[in-house]
Amino acid sequence: MNKKEKDIALFVAFCIEEYGAAKQMTGQQTIDRFSQYGVIDYLCKCFEPLHTQSRQWLVAEIDEFIEDRKNPLAELI
């Protein structure tokens, strides 16, 4: 695993911990939600801009990402 891959893994772990704490979820519940909505792939693909943001902003961004995945037709209206 190279340095960037390690940085991304640490960032994803940070997001799981912070989101779980903010939503009062266990680690497993958070991972399940992230898996259901593709959050981990999003965090990995968009690591460069996302890792520079605050934890509060990241939690809000993940919430928005999940809501967009729950109702994909909402963007079309």
PDB file of N, CA and C in Angstrom:
ATOM      1  N   MET A   1       0.863  -1.176   0.000  1.00  0.00           N
ATOM      2  CA  MET A   1       0.000   0.000   0.000  1.00  0.00           C
ATOM      3  C   MET A   1       0.908   1.237   0.000  1.00  0.00           C
ATOM      4  N   ASN A   2       0.700   2.112  -0.981  1.00  0.00           N
ATOM      5  CA  ASN A   2       1.523   3.318  -1.038  1.00  0.00           C
ATOM      6  C   ASN A   2       0.976   4.403  -0.100  1.00  0.00           C
ATOM      7  N   LYS A   3       1.673   5.525  -0.013  1.00  0.00           N
ATOM      8  CA  LYS A   3       1.301   6.579   0.927  1.00  0.00           C
ATOM      9  C   LYS A   3      -0.094   7.134   0.660  1.00  0.00           C
ATOM     10  N   LYS A   4      -0.413   7.376  -0.603  1.00  0.00           N
ATOM     11  CA  LYS A   4      -1.734   7.933  -0.914  1.00  0.00           C
ATOM     12  C   LYS A   4      -2.845   6.953  -0.525  1.00  0.00           C
ATOM     13  N   GLU A   5      -2.646   5.682  -0.792  1.00  0.00           N
ATOM     14  CA  GLU A   5      -3.638   4.670  -0.411  1.00  0.00           C
ATOM     15  C   GLU A   5      -3.825   4.632   1.106  1.00  0.00           C
ATOM     16  N   LYS A   6      -2.741   4.766   1.851  1.00  0.00           N
ATOM     17  CA  LYS A   6      -2.829   4.812   3.309  1.00  0.00           C
ATOM     18  C   LYS A   6      -3.576   6.059   3.771  1.00  0.00           C
ATOM     19  N   ASP A   7      -3.267   7.197   3.132  1.00  0.00           N
ATOM     20  CA  ASP A   7      -3.955   8.442   3.480  1.00  0.00           C
ATOM     21  C   ASP A   7      -5.458   8.324   3.237  1.00  0.00           C
ATOM     22  N   ILE A   8      -5.832   7.722   2.132  1.00  0.00           N
ATOM     23  CA  ILE A   8      -7.248   7.541   1.811  1.00  0.00           C
ATOM     24  C   ILE A   8      -7.907   6.607   2.815  1.00  0.00           C
ATOM     25  N   ALA A   9      -7.232   5.514   3.160  1.00  0.00           N
ATOM     26  CA  ALA A   9      -7.783   4.573   4.146  1.00  0.00           C
ATOM     27  C   ALA A   9      -7.985   5.252   5.501  1.00  0.00           C
ATOM     28  N   LEU A  10      -7.023   6.044   5.917  1.00  0.00           N
ATOM     29  CA  LEU A  10      -7.158   6.776   7.183  1.00  0.00           C
ATOM     30  C   LEU A  10      -8.293   7.792   7.118  1.00  0.00           C
ATOM     31  N   PHE A  11      -8.433   8.448   5.976  1.00  0.00           N
ATOM     32  CA  PHE A  11      -9.508   9.423   5.804  1.00  0.00           C
ATOM     33  C   PHE A  11     -10.875   8.744   5.870  1.00  0.00           C
ATOM     34  N   VAL A  12     -11.017   7.610   5.213  1.00  0.00           N
ATOM     35  CA  VAL A  12     -12.293   6.872   5.244  1.00  0.00           C
ATOM     36  C   VAL A  12     -12.601   6.437   6.674  1.00  0.00           C
ATOM     37  N   ALA A  13     -11.590   5.931   7.377  1.00  0.00           N
ATOM     38  CA  ALA A  13     -11.794   5.533   8.775  1.00  0.00           C
ATOM     39  C   ALA A  13     -12.209   6.728   9.625  1.00  0.00           C
ATOM     40  N   PHE A  14     -11.575   7.866   9.402  1.00  0.00           N
ATOM     41  CA  PHE A  14     -11.936   9.101  10.112  1.00  0.00           C
ATOM     42  C   PHE A  14     -13.397   9.462   9.843  1.00  0.00           C
ATOM     43  N   CYS A  15     -13.808   9.395   8.592  1.00  0.00           N
ATOM     44  CA  CYS A  15     -15.189   9.731   8.234  1.00  0.00           C
ATOM     45  C   CYS A  15     -16.179   8.768   8.884  1.00  0.00           C
ATOM     46  N   ILE A  16     -15.845   7.495   8.920  1.00  0.00           N
ATOM     47  CA  ILE A  16     -16.717   6.507   9.558  1.00  0.00           C
ATOM     48  C   ILE A  16     -16.875   6.845  11.041  1.00  0.00           C
ATOM     49  N   GLU A  17     -15.767   7.135  11.704  1.00  0.00           N
ATOM     50  CA  GLU A  17     -15.809   7.466  13.133  1.00  0.00           C
ATOM     51  C   GLU A  17     -16.584   8.754  13.389  1.00  0.00           C
ATOM     52  N   GLU A  18     -16.307   9.778  12.623  1.00  0.00           N
ATOM     53  CA  GLU A  18     -16.948  11.077  12.848  1.00  0.00           C
ATOM     54  C   GLU A  18     -18.442  11.036  12.515  1.00  0.00           C
ATOM     55  N   TYR A  19     -18.788  10.403  11.415  1.00  0.00           N
ATOM     56  CA  TYR A  19     -20.195  10.314  11.035  1.00  0.00           C
ATOM     57  C   TYR A  19     -20.957   9.483  12.061  1.00  0.00           C
ATOM     58  N   GLY A  20     -20.385   8.364  12.454  1.00  0.00           N
ATOM     59  CA  GLY A  20     -21.020   7.509  13.451  1.00  0.00           C
ATOM     60  C   GLY A  20     -21.240   8.241  14.763  1.00  0.00           C
ATOM     61  N   ALA A  21     -20.246   8.984  15.208  1.00  0.00           N
ATOM     62  CA  ALA A  21     -20.369   9.738  16.454  1.00  0.00           C
ATOM     63  C   ALA A  21     -21.441  10.820  16.329  1.00  0.00           C
ATOM     64  N   ALA A  22     -21.462  11.508  15.199  1.00  0.00           N
ATOM     65  CA  ALA A  22     -22.433  12.584  14.996  1.00  0.00           C
ATOM     66  C   ALA A  22     -23.866  12.055  14.950  1.00  0.00           C
ATOM     67  N   LYS A  23     -24.031  10.852  14.438  1.00  0.00           N
ATOM     68  CA  LYS A  23     -25.368  10.260  14.274  1.00  0.00           C
ATOM     69  C   LYS A  23     -25.690   9.232  15.356  1.00  0.00           C
ATOM     70  N   GLN A  24     -24.796   9.097  16.328  1.00  0.00           N
ATOM     71  CA  GLN A  24     -24.968   8.143  17.428  1.00  0.00           C
ATOM     72  C   GLN A  24     -25.201   6.722  16.897  1.00  0.00           C
ATOM     73  N   MET A  25     -24.338   6.323  15.979  1.00  0.00           N
ATOM     74  CA  MET A  25     -24.401   5.003  15.361  1.00  0.00           C
ATOM     75  C   MET A  25     -23.152   4.226  15.743  1.00  0.00           C
ATOM     76  N   THR A  26     -23.267   2.899  15.775  1.00  0.00           N
ATOM     77  CA  THR A  26     -22.076   2.071  15.980  1.00  0.00           C
ATOM     78  C   THR A  26     -21.241   2.091  14.703  1.00  0.00           C
ATOM     79  N   GLY A  27     -20.016   1.628  14.831  1.00  0.00           N
ATOM     80  CA  GLY A  27     -19.166   1.538  13.651  1.00  0.00           C
ATOM     81  C   GLY A  27     -19.776   0.654  12.579  1.00  0.00           C
ATOM     82  N   GLN A  28     -20.346  -0.473  12.997  1.00  0.00           N
ATOM     83  CA  GLN A  28     -20.957  -1.391  12.026  1.00  0.00           C
ATOM     84  C   GLN A  28     -22.170  -0.758  11.349  1.00  0.00           C
ATOM     85  N   GLN A  29     -22.987  -0.042  12.109  1.00  0.00           N
ATOM     86  CA  GLN A  29     -24.151   0.637  11.518  1.00  0.00           C
ATOM     87  C   GLN A  29     -23.697   1.673  10.491  1.00  0.00           C
ATOM     88  N   THR A  30     -22.641   2.385  10.824  1.00  0.00           N
ATOM     89  CA  THR A  30     -22.119   3.407   9.907  1.00  0.00           C
ATOM     90  C   THR A  30     -21.570   2.754   8.642  1.00  0.00           C
ATOM     91  N   ILE A  31     -20.797   1.702   8.795  1.00  0.00           N
ATOM     92  CA  ILE A  31     -20.251   0.997   7.630  1.00  0.00           C
ATOM     93  C   ILE A  31     -21.375   0.439   6.767  1.00  0.00           C
ATOM     94  N   ASP A  32     -22.406  -0.110   7.397  1.00  0.00           N
ATOM     95  CA  ASP A  32     -23.550  -0.634   6.638  1.00  0.00           C
ATOM     96  C   ASP A  32     -24.226   0.472   5.830  1.00  0.00           C
ATOM     97  N   ARG A  33     -24.431   1.632   6.456  1.00  0.00           N
ATOM     98  CA  ARG A  33     -25.061   2.755   5.744  1.00  0.00           C
ATOM     99  C   ARG A  33     -24.162   3.236   4.609  1.00  0.00           C
ATOM    100  N   PHE A  34     -22.886   3.373   4.891  1.00  0.00           N
ATOM    101  CA  PHE A  34     -21.950   3.812   3.854  1.00  0.00           C
ATOM    102  C   PHE A  34     -21.952   2.828   2.688  1.00  0.00           C
ATOM    103  N   SER A  35     -21.970   1.537   2.981  1.00  0.00           N
ATOM    104  CA  SER A  35     -21.980   0.517   1.930  1.00  0.00           C
ATOM    105  C   SER A  35     -23.268   0.569   1.121  1.00  0.00           C
ATOM    106  N   GLN A  36     -24.381   0.750   1.795  1.00  0.00           N
ATOM    107  CA  GLN A  36     -25.682   0.783   1.126  1.00  0.00           C
ATOM    108  C   GLN A  36     -25.762   1.903   0.097  1.00  0.00           C
ATOM    109  N   TYR A  37     -25.152   3.040   0.395  1.00  0.00           N
ATOM    110  CA  TYR A  37     -25.279   4.208  -0.478  1.00  0.00           C
ATOM    111  C   TYR A  37     -24.002   4.557  -1.250  1.00  0.00           C
ATOM    112  N   GLY A  38     -22.988   3.732  -1.179  1.00  0.00           N
ATOM    113  CA  GLY A  38     -21.768   3.980  -1.953  1.00  0.00           C
ATOM    114  C   GLY A  38     -20.907   5.110  -1.424  1.00  0.00           C
ATOM    115  N   VAL A  39     -21.018   5.401  -0.142  1.00  0.00           N
ATOM    116  CA  VAL A  39     -20.277   6.525   0.441  1.00  0.00           C
ATOM    117  C   VAL A  39     -18.774   6.279   0.415  1.00  0.00           C
ATOM    118  N   ILE A  40     -18.345   5.069   0.698  1.00  0.00           N
ATOM    119  CA  ILE A  40     -16.905   4.793   0.739  1.00  0.00           C
ATOM    120  C   ILE A  40     -16.272   5.022  -0.633  1.00  0.00           C
ATOM    121  N   ASP A  41     -16.927   4.578  -1.692  1.00  0.00           N
ATOM    122  CA  ASP A  41     -16.410   4.835  -3.048  1.00  0.00           C
ATOM    123  C   ASP A  41     -16.316   6.334  -3.312  1.00  0.00           C
ATOM    124  N   TYR A  42     -17.339   7.073  -2.908  1.00  0.00           N
ATOM    125  CA  TYR A  42     -17.350   8.532  -3.076  1.00  0.00           C
ATOM    126  C   TYR A  42     -16.185   9.170  -2.324  1.00  0.00           C
ATOM    127  N   LEU A  43     -15.981   8.762  -1.077  1.00  0.00           N
ATOM    128  CA  LEU A  43     -14.900   9.331  -0.276  1.00  0.00           C
ATOM    129  C   LEU A  43     -13.537   9.043  -0.895  1.00  0.00           C
ATOM    130  N   CYS A  44     -13.374   7.848  -1.438  1.00  0.00           N
ATOM    131  CA  CYS A  44     -12.107   7.480  -2.073  1.00  0.00           C
ATOM    132  C   CYS A  44     -11.882   8.259  -3.367  1.00  0.00           C
ATOM    133  N   LYS A  45     -12.901   8.319  -4.199  1.00  0.00           N
ATOM    134  CA  LYS A  45     -12.767   9.000  -5.489  1.00  0.00           C
ATOM    135  C   LYS A  45     -12.572  10.505  -5.336  1.00  0.00           C
ATOM    136  N   CYS A  46     -13.170  11.082  -4.311  1.00  0.00           N
ATOM    137  CA  CYS A  46     -13.120  12.536  -4.120  1.00  0.00           C
ATOM    138  C   CYS A  46     -12.228  12.926  -2.945  1.00  0.00           C
ATOM    139  N   PHE A  47     -11.270  12.069  -2.618  1.00  0.00           N
ATOM    140  CA  PHE A  47     -10.388  12.287  -1.471  1.00  0.00           C
ATOM    141  C   PHE A  47      -9.717  13.658  -1.504  1.00  0.00           C
ATOM    142  N   GLU A  48      -9.160  14.028  -2.646  1.00  0.00           N
ATOM    143  CA  GLU A  48      -8.372  15.267  -2.722  1.00  0.00           C
ATOM    144  C   GLU A  48      -9.125  16.493  -2.202  1.00  0.00           C
ATOM    145  N   PRO A  49     -10.305  16.814  -2.712  1.00  0.00           N
ATOM    146  CA  PRO A  49     -10.983  17.997  -2.160  1.00  0.00           C
ATOM    147  C   PRO A  49     -11.622  17.754  -0.793  1.00  0.00           C
ATOM    148  N   LEU A  50     -12.089  16.539  -0.538  1.00  0.00           N
ATOM    149  CA  LEU A  50     -12.826  16.277   0.697  1.00  0.00           C
ATOM    150  C   LEU A  50     -11.942  16.289   1.937  1.00  0.00           C
ATOM    151  N   HIS A  51     -10.720  15.776   1.833  1.00  0.00           N
ATOM    152  CA  HIS A  51      -9.904  15.632   3.037  1.00  0.00           C
ATOM    153  C   HIS A  51      -9.435  16.966   3.615  1.00  0.00           C
ATOM    154  N   THR A  52      -9.675  18.039   2.900  1.00  0.00           N
ATOM    155  CA  THR A  52      -9.273  19.361   3.388  1.00  0.00           C
ATOM    156  C   THR A  52     -10.381  20.059   4.175  1.00  0.00           C
ATOM    157  N   GLN A  53     -11.540  19.421   4.272  1.00  0.00           N
ATOM    158  CA  GLN A  53     -12.712  20.050   4.892  1.00  0.00           C
ATOM    159  C   GLN A  53     -12.817  19.694   6.378  1.00  0.00           C
ATOM    160  N   SER A  54     -13.635  20.454   7.091  1.00  0.00           N
ATOM    161  CA  SER A  54     -13.840  20.214   8.522  1.00  0.00           C
ATOM    162  C   SER A  54     -14.721  18.994   8.735  1.00  0.00           C
ATOM    163  N   ARG A  55     -14.667  18.459   9.934  1.00  0.00           N
ATOM    164  CA  ARG A  55     -15.484  17.274  10.241  1.00  0.00           C
ATOM    165  C   ARG A  55     -16.967  17.596  10.158  1.00  0.00           C
ATOM    166  N   GLN A  56     -17.374  18.790  10.584  1.00  0.00           N
ATOM    167  CA  GLN A  56     -18.790  19.158  10.505  1.00  0.00           C
ATOM    168  C   GLN A  56     -19.247  19.234   9.042  1.00  0.00           C
ATOM    169  N   TRP A  57     -18.409  19.805   8.203  1.00  0.00           N
ATOM    170  CA  TRP A  57     -18.737  19.908   6.785  1.00  0.00           C
ATOM    171  C   TRP A  57     -18.824  18.519   6.164  1.00  0.00           C
ATOM    172  N   LEU A  58     -17.895  17.626   6.535  1.00  0.00           N
ATOM    173  CA  LEU A  58     -17.906  16.268   5.993  1.00  0.00           C
ATOM    174  C   LEU A  58     -19.171  15.513   6.378  1.00  0.00           C
ATOM    175  N   VAL A  59     -19.598  15.639   7.630  1.00  0.00           N
ATOM    176  CA  VAL A  59     -20.830  14.964   8.065  1.00  0.00           C
ATOM    177  C   VAL A  59     -22.009  15.485   7.248  1.00  0.00           C
ATOM    178  N   ALA A  60     -22.092  16.794   7.064  1.00  0.00           N
ATOM    179  CA  ALA A  60     -23.179  17.378   6.275  1.00  0.00           C
ATOM    180  C   ALA A  60     -23.099  16.926   4.812  1.00  0.00           C
ATOM    181  N   GLU A  61     -21.900  16.858   4.266  1.00  0.00           N
ATOM    182  CA  GLU A  61     -21.715  16.426   2.879  1.00  0.00           C
ATOM    183  C   GLU A  61     -22.131  14.962   2.701  1.00  0.00           C
ATOM    184  N   ILE A  62     -21.765  14.123   3.651  1.00  0.00           N
ATOM    185  CA  ILE A  62     -22.147  12.707   3.583  1.00  0.00           C
ATOM    186  C   ILE A  62     -23.664  12.575   3.697  1.00  0.00           C
ATOM    187  N   ASP A  63     -24.286  13.350   4.586  1.00  0.00           N
ATOM    188  CA  ASP A  63     -25.751  13.350   4.687  1.00  0.00           C
ATOM    189  C   ASP A  63     -26.393  13.719   3.355  1.00  0.00           C
ATOM    190  N   GLU A  64     -25.878  14.762   2.729  1.00  0.00           N
ATOM    191  CA  GLU A  64     -26.426  15.197   1.441  1.00  0.00           C
ATOM    192  C   GLU A  64     -26.220  14.122   0.373  1.00  0.00           C
ATOM    193  N   PHE A  65     -25.054  13.505   0.366  1.00  0.00           N
ATOM    194  CA  PHE A  65     -24.766  12.435  -0.590  1.00  0.00           C
ATOM    195  C   PHE A  65     -25.753  11.284  -0.419  1.00  0.00           C
ATOM    196  N   ILE A  66     -25.984  10.876   0.827  1.00  0.00           N
ATOM    197  CA  ILE A  66     -26.915   9.782   1.112  1.00  0.00           C
ATOM    198  C   ILE A  66     -28.333  10.159   0.691  1.00  0.00           C
ATOM    199  N   GLU A  67     -28.757  11.366   1.018  1.00  0.00           N
ATOM    200  CA  GLU A  67     -30.112  11.802   0.638  1.00  0.00           C
ATOM    201  C   GLU A  67     -30.288  11.804  -0.876  1.00  0.00           C
ATOM    202  N   ASP A  68     -29.256  12.222  -1.596  1.00  0.00           N
ATOM    203  CA  ASP A  68     -29.315  12.199  -3.062  1.00  0.00           C
ATOM    204  C   ASP A  68     -29.450  10.773  -3.588  1.00  0.00           C
ATOM    205  N   ARG A  69     -28.822   9.810  -2.917  1.00  0.00           N
ATOM    206  CA  ARG A  69     -28.903   8.409  -3.338  1.00  0.00           C
ATOM    207  C   ARG A  69     -30.236   7.782  -2.953  1.00  0.00           C
ATOM    208  N   LYS A  70     -30.853   8.277  -1.893  1.00  0.00           N
ATOM    209  CA  LYS A  70     -32.161   7.752  -1.475  1.00  0.00           C
ATOM    210  C   LYS A  70     -33.242   8.126  -2.482  1.00  0.00           C
ATOM    211  N   ASN A  71     -33.130   9.303  -3.056  1.00  0.00           N
ATOM    212  CA  ASN A  71     -34.143   9.806  -3.976  1.00  0.00           C
ATOM    213  C   ASN A  71     -33.491  10.342  -5.231  1.00  0.00           C
ATOM    214  N   PRO A  72     -32.995   9.449  -6.108  1.00  0.00           N
ATOM    215  CA  PRO A  72     -32.260   9.909  -7.295  1.00  0.00           C
ATOM    216  C   PRO A  72     -33.111  10.705  -8.282  1.00  0.00           C
ATOM    217  N   LEU A  73     -34.435  10.550  -8.234  1.00  0.00           N
ATOM    218  CA  LEU A  73     -35.291  11.290  -9.157  1.00  0.00           C
ATOM    219  C   LEU A  73     -35.513  12.725  -8.716  1.00  0.00           C
ATOM    220  N   ALA A  74     -35.186  13.041  -7.481  1.00  0.00           N
ATOM    221  CA  ALA A  74     -35.388  14.405  -6.966  1.00  0.00           C
ATOM    222  C   ALA A  74     -34.574  15.417  -7.764  1.00  0.00           C
ATOM    223  N   GLU A  75     -33.415  15.000  -8.280  1.00  0.00           N
ATOM    224  CA  GLU A  75     -32.576  15.903  -9.053  1.00  0.00           C
ATOM    225  C   GLU A  75     -33.221  16.259 -10.392  1.00  0.00           C
ATOM    226  N   LEU A  76     -34.114  15.426 -10.873  1.00  0.00           N
ATOM    227  CA  LEU A  76     -34.728  15.657 -12.168  1.00  0.00           C
ATOM    228  C   LEU A  76     -35.908  16.617 -12.105  1.00  0.00           C
ATOM    229  N   ILE A  77     -36.421  16.853 -10.914  1.00  0.00           N
ATOM    230  CA  ILE A  77     -37.611  17.695 -10.765  1.00  0.00           C
ATOM    231  C   ILE A  77     -37.226  19.146 -10.711  1.00  0.00           C
TER     232      ILE A  77
END
